Every structure is written in C-alpha cells, then in structure tokens.
Amino acid sequence: MNRALVIDPDNWDMRYNFACALNGHLKDKHAALEMLEPLFITITAPFLRYLKGDPDLESLHDDPRYQTIVAAAEARLAAAKDSAAPESRQPA
C-alpha cells in the first residue's frame, strides 16, 4: 500500500479500496481513517452516499474522527450546493 501511495497518492479508488481492506479485513480503524481522510476534502455527494452505506466501513460509523470528517464533507457539499443555486428574486 505504501508503495502504491508513493506512485499515485491521488488515486481515490485505490485509497478507498485500501481503506475497505484495512478496516474490513485487517480490523485497523486508524489506518482506514488515515487512508480515507484525504478523500473527504474533495468527495462528491454521490460518492459520500456510497461510502456511508458501504458495509466494509460500517464499523467506522461510531468513531468520532469518522463522524467529524463526514460532517465536514457534508457541510462543504451543502455550502457548494447553496452557492451554486440561483438566488431567489422577489418581484418588484
């Protein structure tokens, strides 16, 4: 995993799959969160929904660090959605 991350650190699919393996198979929550954290900076809404529903990551849901990065991503996505929405205009 370390070698792959040196070669392609921004490969989000690879990071996600590594996190699933670290958490689901190796039972290493800390390492899984370390692997996932960079994803949340630019995660899209559909990918966030998918990630939150993935059974390989279910045991992370009660972790405060996971909750914090998910909440930050949701806030970022909501702010981006609000800023992209056209302003409502009242008739004069």
N, C-alpha and C. Protein backbone atom coordinates (compact mmCIF):
# COMPACT_ATOMS: atom_id res chain seq x y z
N MET A 1 0.82 -1.19 0.00
CA MET A 1 0.00 0.00 0.00
C MET A 1 0.87 1.25 0.00
N ASN A 2 1.90 1.25 0.81
CA ASN A 2 2.77 2.42 0.87
C ASN A 2 3.41 2.71 -0.48
N ARG A 3 3.86 1.68 -1.15
CA ARG A 3 4.49 1.88 -2.46
C ARG A 3 3.48 2.43 -3.46
N ALA A 4 2.29 1.89 -3.46
CA ALA A 4 1.25 2.37 -4.37
C ALA A 4 0.92 3.83 -4.10
N LEU A 5 0.89 4.22 -2.84
CA LEU A 5 0.60 5.61 -2.49
C LEU A 5 1.71 6.57 -2.90
N VAL A 6 2.94 6.09 -2.89
CA VAL A 6 4.05 6.92 -3.36
C VAL A 6 3.93 7.15 -4.86
N ILE A 7 3.52 6.11 -5.58
CA ILE A 7 3.42 6.20 -7.03
C ILE A 7 2.22 7.05 -7.47
N ASP A 8 1.09 6.86 -6.79
CA ASP A 8 -0.14 7.55 -7.21
C ASP A 8 -0.96 7.96 -5.98
N PRO A 9 -0.50 8.97 -5.24
CA PRO A 9 -1.16 9.34 -3.98
C PRO A 9 -2.57 9.90 -4.15
N ASP A 10 -2.91 10.38 -5.32
CA ASP A 10 -4.22 10.98 -5.54
C ASP A 10 -5.21 10.02 -6.19
N ASN A 11 -4.90 8.74 -6.21
CA ASN A 11 -5.80 7.75 -6.79
C ASN A 11 -6.86 7.40 -5.74
N TRP A 12 -8.02 8.03 -5.87
CA TRP A 12 -9.06 7.90 -4.86
C TRP A 12 -9.65 6.50 -4.81
N ASP A 13 -9.77 5.83 -5.97
CA ASP A 13 -10.28 4.45 -5.98
C ASP A 13 -9.36 3.53 -5.19
N MET A 14 -8.08 3.70 -5.38
CA MET A 14 -7.10 2.87 -4.68
C MET A 14 -7.19 3.12 -3.17
N ARG A 15 -7.23 4.37 -2.78
CA ARG A 15 -7.32 4.70 -1.36
C ARG A 15 -8.59 4.10 -0.73
N TYR A 16 -9.68 4.20 -1.44
CA TYR A 16 -10.95 3.68 -0.95
C TYR A 16 -10.86 2.16 -0.76
N ASN A 17 -10.34 1.47 -1.75
CA ASN A 17 -10.21 0.01 -1.65
C ASN A 17 -9.23 -0.39 -0.55
N PHE A 18 -8.16 0.34 -0.39
CA PHE A 18 -7.23 0.06 0.71
C PHE A 18 -7.93 0.26 2.05
N ALA A 19 -8.70 1.33 2.18
CA ALA A 19 -9.40 1.60 3.43
C ALA A 19 -10.39 0.48 3.75
N CYS A 20 -11.09 0.00 2.74
CA CYS A 20 -12.02 -1.12 2.96
C CYS A 20 -11.28 -2.36 3.44
N ALA A 21 -10.14 -2.64 2.84
CA ALA A 21 -9.36 -3.80 3.26
C ALA A 21 -8.79 -3.61 4.66
N LEU A 22 -8.28 -2.42 4.94
CA LEU A 22 -7.72 -2.15 6.27
C LEU A 22 -8.78 -2.29 7.36
N ASN A 23 -9.96 -1.77 7.10
CA ASN A 23 -11.00 -1.81 8.11
C ASN A 23 -11.72 -3.15 8.14
N GLY A 24 -12.14 -3.63 6.98
CA GLY A 24 -12.96 -4.83 6.93
C GLY A 24 -12.22 -6.12 7.18
N HIS A 25 -11.00 -6.21 6.70
CA HIS A 25 -10.25 -7.46 6.81
C HIS A 25 -9.17 -7.43 7.88
N LEU A 26 -8.48 -6.31 7.99
CA LEU A 26 -7.39 -6.22 8.96
C LEU A 26 -7.83 -5.60 10.28
N LYS A 27 -9.06 -5.09 10.33
CA LYS A 27 -9.64 -4.51 11.55
C LYS A 27 -8.79 -3.37 12.12
N ASP A 28 -8.24 -2.56 11.22
CA ASP A 28 -7.40 -1.43 11.62
C ASP A 28 -8.13 -0.14 11.30
N LYS A 29 -8.98 0.31 12.22
CA LYS A 29 -9.77 1.52 12.01
C LYS A 29 -8.91 2.75 11.79
N HIS A 30 -7.86 2.87 12.60
CA HIS A 30 -7.00 4.05 12.50
C HIS A 30 -6.38 4.15 11.10
N ALA A 31 -5.84 3.06 10.60
CA ALA A 31 -5.22 3.07 9.27
C ALA A 31 -6.26 3.33 8.19
N ALA A 32 -7.46 2.78 8.36
CA ALA A 32 -8.52 3.01 7.38
C ALA A 32 -8.90 4.48 7.33
N LEU A 33 -9.00 5.11 8.49
CA LEU A 33 -9.32 6.54 8.52
C LEU A 33 -8.20 7.38 7.94
N GLU A 34 -6.97 7.00 8.20
CA GLU A 34 -5.83 7.71 7.60
C GLU A 34 -5.89 7.64 6.07
N MET A 35 -6.31 6.48 5.57
CA MET A 35 -6.41 6.28 4.13
C MET A 35 -7.57 7.08 3.55
N LEU A 36 -8.67 7.17 4.27
CA LEU A 36 -9.87 7.85 3.77
C LEU A 36 -9.83 9.36 3.89
N GLU A 37 -9.18 9.86 4.90
CA GLU A 37 -9.25 11.29 5.20
C GLU A 37 -9.01 12.19 4.00
N PRO A 38 -7.99 11.96 3.17
CA PRO A 38 -7.80 12.83 2.01
C PRO A 38 -8.96 12.81 1.01
N LEU A 39 -9.70 11.72 0.97
CA LEU A 39 -10.84 11.64 0.05
C LEU A 39 -11.92 12.65 0.39
N PHE A 40 -12.10 12.90 1.67
CA PHE A 40 -13.20 13.74 2.11
C PHE A 40 -13.02 15.21 1.75
N ILE A 41 -11.83 15.61 1.39
CA ILE A 41 -11.58 17.01 1.03
C ILE A 41 -12.30 17.37 -0.26
N THR A 42 -12.37 16.42 -1.19
CA THR A 42 -12.98 16.69 -2.49
C THR A 42 -14.09 15.70 -2.85
N ILE A 43 -14.56 14.93 -1.89
CA ILE A 43 -15.55 13.89 -2.17
C ILE A 43 -16.82 14.50 -2.75
N THR A 44 -17.43 13.78 -3.68
CA THR A 44 -18.69 14.22 -4.27
C THR A 44 -19.85 13.66 -3.45
N ALA A 45 -21.01 14.25 -3.62
CA ALA A 45 -22.19 13.80 -2.87
C ALA A 45 -22.54 12.33 -3.18
N PRO A 46 -22.55 11.91 -4.45
CA PRO A 46 -22.86 10.50 -4.71
C PRO A 46 -21.84 9.54 -4.09
N PHE A 47 -20.57 9.90 -4.15
CA PHE A 47 -19.54 9.03 -3.57
C PHE A 47 -19.65 9.01 -2.05
N LEU A 48 -20.01 10.12 -1.44
CA LEU A 48 -20.18 10.17 0.01
C LEU A 48 -21.34 9.26 0.43
N ARG A 49 -22.45 9.31 -0.32
CA ARG A 49 -23.58 8.42 -0.01
C ARG A 49 -23.16 6.96 -0.12
N TYR A 50 -22.40 6.64 -1.15
CA TYR A 50 -21.91 5.27 -1.36
C TYR A 50 -21.01 4.85 -0.20
N LEU A 51 -20.07 5.71 0.15
CA LEU A 51 -19.13 5.42 1.23
C LEU A 51 -19.86 5.20 2.55
N LYS A 52 -20.84 6.03 2.85
CA LYS A 52 -21.58 5.91 4.10
C LYS A 52 -22.38 4.62 4.18
N GLY A 53 -22.74 4.05 3.03
CA GLY A 53 -23.51 2.82 3.01
C GLY A 53 -22.69 1.55 2.84
N ASP A 54 -21.38 1.69 2.67
CA ASP A 54 -20.54 0.53 2.42
C ASP A 54 -20.39 -0.31 3.69
N PRO A 55 -20.77 -1.60 3.66
CA PRO A 55 -20.66 -2.43 4.86
C PRO A 55 -19.21 -2.66 5.32
N ASP A 56 -18.25 -2.52 4.42
CA ASP A 56 -16.84 -2.66 4.82
C ASP A 56 -16.40 -1.54 5.75
N LEU A 57 -17.11 -0.44 5.73
CA LEU A 57 -16.75 0.72 6.56
C LEU A 57 -17.74 0.96 7.69
N GLU A 58 -18.71 0.10 7.84
CA GLU A 58 -19.78 0.29 8.83
C GLU A 58 -19.24 0.42 10.26
N SER A 59 -18.20 -0.31 10.58
CA SER A 59 -17.67 -0.25 11.95
C SER A 59 -17.01 1.09 12.26
N LEU A 60 -16.81 1.94 11.26
CA LEU A 60 -16.25 3.26 11.49
C LEU A 60 -17.30 4.28 11.91
N HIS A 61 -18.56 3.99 11.66
CA HIS A 61 -19.63 4.98 11.84
C HIS A 61 -19.71 5.55 13.25
N ASP A 62 -19.32 4.79 14.25
CA ASP A 62 -19.39 5.31 15.62
C ASP A 62 -18.09 5.97 16.08
N ASP A 63 -17.11 6.03 15.20
CA ASP A 63 -15.83 6.64 15.53
C ASP A 63 -15.94 8.17 15.42
N PRO A 64 -15.55 8.90 16.47
CA PRO A 64 -15.66 10.38 16.42
C PRO A 64 -14.89 11.00 15.26
N ARG A 65 -13.76 10.46 14.92
CA ARG A 65 -12.97 11.01 13.82
C ARG A 65 -13.72 10.84 12.49
N TYR A 66 -14.30 9.68 12.28
CA TYR A 66 -15.10 9.43 11.08
C TYR A 66 -16.27 10.41 11.03
N GLN A 67 -16.97 10.55 12.15
CA GLN A 67 -18.12 11.45 12.21
C GLN A 67 -17.73 12.88 11.89
N THR A 68 -16.56 13.29 12.35
CA THR A 68 -16.08 14.65 12.10
C THR A 68 -15.79 14.87 10.63
N ILE A 69 -15.10 13.92 9.98
CA ILE A 69 -14.75 14.13 8.57
C ILE A 69 -15.97 14.01 7.67
N VAL A 70 -16.93 13.17 8.04
CA VAL A 70 -18.17 13.08 7.27
C VAL A 70 -18.96 14.38 7.42
N ALA A 71 -19.08 14.88 8.63
CA ALA A 71 -19.82 16.12 8.86
C ALA A 71 -19.18 17.29 8.11
N ALA A 72 -17.86 17.34 8.09
CA ALA A 72 -17.17 18.42 7.37
C ALA A 72 -17.43 18.31 5.87
N ALA A 73 -17.41 17.09 5.35
CA ALA A 73 -17.68 16.89 3.92
C ALA A 73 -19.13 17.27 3.59
N GLU A 74 -20.06 16.88 4.45
CA GLU A 74 -21.47 17.23 4.22
C GLU A 74 -21.67 18.74 4.27
N ALA A 75 -21.01 19.41 5.19
CA ALA A 75 -21.11 20.88 5.27
C ALA A 75 -20.53 21.53 4.02
N ARG A 76 -19.38 21.03 3.57
CA ARG A 76 -18.75 21.57 2.35
C ARG A 76 -19.66 21.38 1.14
N LEU A 77 -20.25 20.19 1.02
CA LEU A 77 -21.14 19.91 -0.11
C LEU A 77 -22.41 20.77 -0.05
N ALA A 78 -22.95 20.96 1.15
CA ALA A 78 -24.14 21.79 1.30
C ALA A 78 -23.84 23.24 0.95
N ALA A 79 -22.68 23.73 1.38
CA ALA A 79 -22.30 25.11 1.07
C ALA A 79 -22.09 25.28 -0.44
N ALA A 80 -21.49 24.29 -1.06
CA ALA A 80 -21.28 24.36 -2.51
C ALA A 80 -22.61 24.34 -3.25
N LYS A 81 -23.54 23.53 -2.77
CA LYS A 81 -24.87 23.45 -3.39
C LYS A 81 -25.60 24.78 -3.23
N ASP A 82 -25.52 25.37 -2.04
CA ASP A 82 -26.18 26.66 -1.79
C ASP A 82 -25.59 27.77 -2.65
N SER A 83 -24.28 27.76 -2.83
CA SER A 83 -23.65 28.82 -3.61
C SER A 83 -23.91 28.64 -5.10
N ALA A 84 -24.21 27.43 -5.52
CA ALA A 84 -24.49 27.17 -6.94
C ALA A 84 -25.95 27.43 -7.29
N ALA A 85 -26.82 27.45 -6.28
CA ALA A 85 -28.25 27.68 -6.53
C ALA A 85 -28.48 29.13 -6.92
N PRO A 86 -29.34 29.34 -7.90
CA PRO A 86 -29.63 30.74 -8.28
C PRO A 86 -30.37 31.43 -7.14
N GLU A 87 -30.06 32.69 -6.97
CA GLU A 87 -30.70 33.46 -5.90
C GLU A 87 -32.17 33.65 -6.24
N SER A 88 -32.98 33.48 -5.23
CA SER A 88 -34.42 33.72 -5.49
C SER A 88 -34.64 35.23 -5.54
N ARG A 89 -35.44 35.61 -6.47
CA ARG A 89 -35.70 37.05 -6.63
C ARG A 89 -37.17 37.31 -6.42
N GLN A 90 -37.42 38.31 -5.66
CA GLN A 90 -38.79 38.74 -5.40
C GLN A 90 -39.21 39.71 -6.50
N PRO A 91 -40.43 39.55 -6.99
CA PRO A 91 -40.89 40.53 -8.00
C PRO A 91 -41.01 41.92 -7.37
N ALA A 92 -40.69 42.92 -8.13
CA ALA A 92 -40.73 44.30 -7.63
C ALA A 92 -42.11 44.84 -7.56
